[in-house]
Amino acid sequence: MQTYFHLKYFSVYGIAECTEIDIQNTNTYAAYKFYVDGKRINGSIQLGSIVYPGWVGKHFKVQYSSKDPEINNLLLSKPVYDTVRIKKAGFVIKVQEKKEKRNQFRD
């Protein structure tokens, strides 16, 4: 009830990064982190039957209480792709190195 109250009346949105997918017995969870005023907040959400391992390392919108950021909810249906917004949220963007394409005509 407290979570519902906080998220209804003190809701703020930010950006979180999914850090891992964890299976415990018959339950599957997604762990995530986000930053509020430079402080790292960790969270987790039960996934149910819909699990996509590709979520790890991806960024999503997170809803949290302005009064207590430990009360939060990861919005997996709201992915964030804007690298400027992701950097402003406190994350480092990892740049993938381009692999050199093989030239079939080279010796």
C-alpha atoms as a PDB file:
ATOM      1  CA  MET A   1       0.000   0.000   0.000  1.00  0.00           C
ATOM      2  CA  GLN A   2       2.847   2.370   0.849  1.00  0.00           C
ATOM      3  CA  THR A   3       4.425   1.717  -2.567  1.00  0.00           C
ATOM      4  CA  TYR A   4       1.147   2.490  -4.336  1.00  0.00           C
ATOM      5  CA  PHE A   5       0.716   5.703  -2.310  1.00  0.00           C
ATOM      6  CA  HIS A   6       4.275   6.896  -2.973  1.00  0.00           C
ATOM      7  CA  LEU A   7       4.179   6.136  -6.699  1.00  0.00           C
ATOM      8  CA  LYS A   8       0.753   7.752  -7.076  1.00  0.00           C
ATOM      9  CA  TYR A   9       1.470  11.016  -5.243  1.00  0.00           C
ATOM     10  CA  PHE A  10       5.265  11.477  -5.375  1.00  0.00           C
ATOM     11  CA  SER A  11       6.097   9.930  -8.735  1.00  0.00           C
ATOM     12  CA  VAL A  12       9.282  10.979 -10.550  1.00  0.00           C
ATOM     13  CA  TYR A  13      10.755   9.351 -13.657  1.00  0.00           C
ATOM     14  CA  GLY A  14      14.355   8.602 -14.488  1.00  0.00           C
ATOM     15  CA  ILE A  15      16.462   6.146 -16.451  1.00  0.00           C
ATOM     16  CA  ALA A  16      17.671   2.787 -15.136  1.00  0.00           C
ATOM     17  CA  GLU A  17      19.996   0.132 -16.523  1.00  0.00           C
ATOM     18  CA  CYS A  18      19.106  -3.552 -16.318  1.00  0.00           C
ATOM     19  CA  THR A  19      22.119  -5.238 -14.713  1.00  0.00           C
ATOM     20  CA  GLU A  20      21.114  -8.908 -14.659  1.00  0.00           C
ATOM     21  CA  ILE A  21      18.368 -11.465 -15.124  1.00  0.00           C
ATOM     22  CA  ASP A  22      18.224 -13.926 -12.219  1.00  0.00           C
ATOM     23  CA  ILE A  23      16.240 -17.138 -11.919  1.00  0.00           C
ATOM     24  CA  GLN A  24      15.432 -18.271  -8.369  1.00  0.00           C
ATOM     25  CA  ASN A  25      13.397 -21.472  -8.151  1.00  0.00           C
ATOM     26  CA  THR A  26      10.367 -20.778 -10.367  1.00  0.00           C
ATOM     27  CA  ASN A  27      10.663 -16.967 -10.228  1.00  0.00           C
ATOM     28  CA  THR A  28      12.624 -14.769 -12.590  1.00  0.00           C
ATOM     29  CA  TYR A  29      13.834 -11.301 -11.622  1.00  0.00           C
ATOM     30  CA  ALA A  30      15.490  -8.386 -13.400  1.00  0.00           C
ATOM     31  CA  ALA A  31      17.965  -6.404 -11.301  1.00  0.00           C
ATOM     32  CA  TYR A  32      18.568  -2.764 -12.202  1.00  0.00           C
ATOM     33  CA  LYS A  33      20.289   0.400 -11.032  1.00  0.00           C
ATOM     34  CA  PHE A  34      19.653   4.115 -11.400  1.00  0.00           C
ATOM     35  CA  TYR A  35      20.968   7.324  -9.894  1.00  0.00           C
ATOM     36  CA  VAL A  36      19.235  10.026  -7.856  1.00  0.00           C
ATOM     37  CA  ASP A  37      21.366  13.081  -7.029  1.00  0.00           C
ATOM     38  CA  GLY A  38      24.512  11.038  -7.699  1.00  0.00           C
ATOM     39  CA  LYS A  39      23.478   8.224  -5.334  1.00  0.00           C
ATOM     40  CA  ARG A  40      23.144   4.736  -6.817  1.00  0.00           C
ATOM     41  CA  ILE A  41      19.815   3.028  -6.157  1.00  0.00           C
ATOM     42  CA  ASN A  42      19.436  -0.716  -6.792  1.00  0.00           C
ATOM     43  CA  GLY A  43      16.145  -2.379  -7.528  1.00  0.00           C
ATOM     44  CA  SER A  44      14.630  -5.595  -8.806  1.00  0.00           C
ATOM     45  CA  ILE A  45      11.367  -6.579 -10.397  1.00  0.00           C
ATOM     46  CA  GLN A  46       9.705  -9.971 -10.792  1.00  0.00           C
ATOM     47  CA  LEU A  47       9.329 -10.765 -14.476  1.00  0.00           C
ATOM     48  CA  GLY A  48       6.881 -13.625 -14.623  1.00  0.00           C
ATOM     49  CA  SER A  49       6.987 -15.643 -17.834  1.00  0.00           C
ATOM     50  CA  ILE A  50       8.258 -12.919 -20.184  1.00  0.00           C
ATOM     51  CA  VAL A  51      12.058 -12.927 -20.072  1.00  0.00           C
ATOM     52  CA  TYR A  52      14.422 -11.484 -22.643  1.00  0.00           C
ATOM     53  CA  PRO A  53      18.150 -11.912 -21.832  1.00  0.00           C
ATOM     54  CA  GLY A  54      18.902  -9.006 -24.212  1.00  0.00           C
ATOM     55  CA  TRP A  55      17.527  -6.604 -21.573  1.00  0.00           C
ATOM     56  CA  VAL A  56      20.813  -6.810 -19.619  1.00  0.00           C
ATOM     57  CA  GLY A  57      22.816  -3.644 -20.282  1.00  0.00           C
ATOM     58  CA  LYS A  58      19.812  -1.870 -21.800  1.00  0.00           C
ATOM     59  CA  HIS A  59      18.176   1.255 -20.394  1.00  0.00           C
ATOM     60  CA  PHE A  60      14.550   1.711 -19.400  1.00  0.00           C
ATOM     61  CA  LYS A  61      12.359   4.325 -17.801  1.00  0.00           C
ATOM     62  CA  VAL A  62      12.088   3.938 -14.027  1.00  0.00           C
ATOM     63  CA  GLN A  63       9.358   5.362 -11.808  1.00  0.00           C
ATOM     64  CA  TYR A  64      10.345   6.231  -8.248  1.00  0.00           C
ATOM     65  CA  SER A  65       9.145   8.175  -5.234  1.00  0.00           C
ATOM     66  CA  SER A  66      10.600  11.665  -4.789  1.00  0.00           C
ATOM     67  CA  LYS A  67      10.273  11.102  -1.020  1.00  0.00           C
ATOM     68  CA  ASP A  68      11.989   7.688  -1.014  1.00  0.00           C
ATOM     69  CA  PRO A  69      13.743   6.540  -4.241  1.00  0.00           C
ATOM     70  CA  GLU A  70      14.066   3.034  -2.778  1.00  0.00           C
ATOM     71  CA  ILE A  71      10.364   2.753  -3.680  1.00  0.00           C
ATOM     72  CA  ASN A  72      10.579   2.287  -7.433  1.00  0.00           C
ATOM     73  CA  ASN A  73       9.352   0.362 -10.442  1.00  0.00           C
ATOM     74  CA  LEU A  74      11.226  -0.501 -13.640  1.00  0.00           C
ATOM     75  CA  LEU A  75       9.120   0.101 -16.753  1.00  0.00           C
ATOM     76  CA  LEU A  76      10.320  -2.589 -19.165  1.00  0.00           C
ATOM     77  CA  SER A  77       7.728  -1.488 -21.710  1.00  0.00           C
ATOM     78  CA  LYS A  78       9.492   1.914 -21.943  1.00  0.00           C
ATOM     79  CA  PRO A  79      13.029   1.393 -23.325  1.00  0.00           C
ATOM     80  CA  VAL A  80      15.267   4.456 -23.608  1.00  0.00           C
ATOM     81  CA  TYR A  81      17.600   4.801 -26.613  1.00  0.00           C
ATOM     82  CA  ASP A  82      18.562   8.491 -26.405  1.00  0.00           C
ATOM     83  CA  THR A  83      22.277   8.412 -25.502  1.00  0.00           C
ATOM     84  CA  VAL A  84      22.267  12.052 -24.358  1.00  0.00           C
ATOM     85  CA  ARG A  85      19.490  11.330 -21.820  1.00  0.00           C
ATOM     86  CA  ILE A  86      21.245   8.112 -20.742  1.00  0.00           C
ATOM     87  CA  LYS A  87      24.529   9.980 -20.092  1.00  0.00           C
ATOM     88  CA  LYS A  88      22.680  12.727 -18.181  1.00  0.00           C
ATOM     89  CA  ALA A  89      21.168   9.989 -15.998  1.00  0.00           C
ATOM     90  CA  GLY A  90      24.702   9.047 -14.852  1.00  0.00           C
ATOM     91  CA  PHE A  91      25.580   6.150 -17.146  1.00  0.00           C
ATOM     92  CA  VAL A  92      28.631   5.627 -19.340  1.00  0.00           C
ATOM     93  CA  ILE A  93      27.801   4.600 -22.890  1.00  0.00           C
ATOM     94  CA  LYS A  94      29.937   1.698 -24.058  1.00  0.00           C
ATOM     95  CA  VAL A  95      30.995   2.139 -27.674  1.00  0.00           C
ATOM     96  CA  GLN A  96      31.347  -1.075 -29.614  1.00  0.00           C
ATOM     97  CA  GLU A  97      34.451  -1.277 -31.773  1.00  0.00           C
ATOM     98  CA  LYS A  98      33.771  -1.928 -35.409  1.00  0.00           C
ATOM     99  CA  LYS A  99      35.204  -5.173 -36.646  1.00  0.00           C
ATOM    100  CA  GLU A 100      37.235  -4.893 -39.795  1.00  0.00           C
ATOM    101  CA  LYS A 101      35.339  -6.459 -42.639  1.00  0.00           C
ATOM    102  CA  ARG A 102      37.099  -9.261 -44.416  1.00  0.00           C
ATOM    103  CA  ASN A 103      38.119  -8.364 -47.946  1.00  0.00           C
ATOM    104  CA  GLN A 104      37.783 -11.448 -50.103  1.00  0.00           C
ATOM    105  CA  PHE A 105      39.912  -9.885 -52.831  1.00  0.00           C
ATOM    106  CA  ARG A 106      42.925  -9.252 -50.587  1.00  0.00           C
ATOM    107  CA  ASP A 107      45.884 -11.656 -50.589  1.00  0.00           C
END
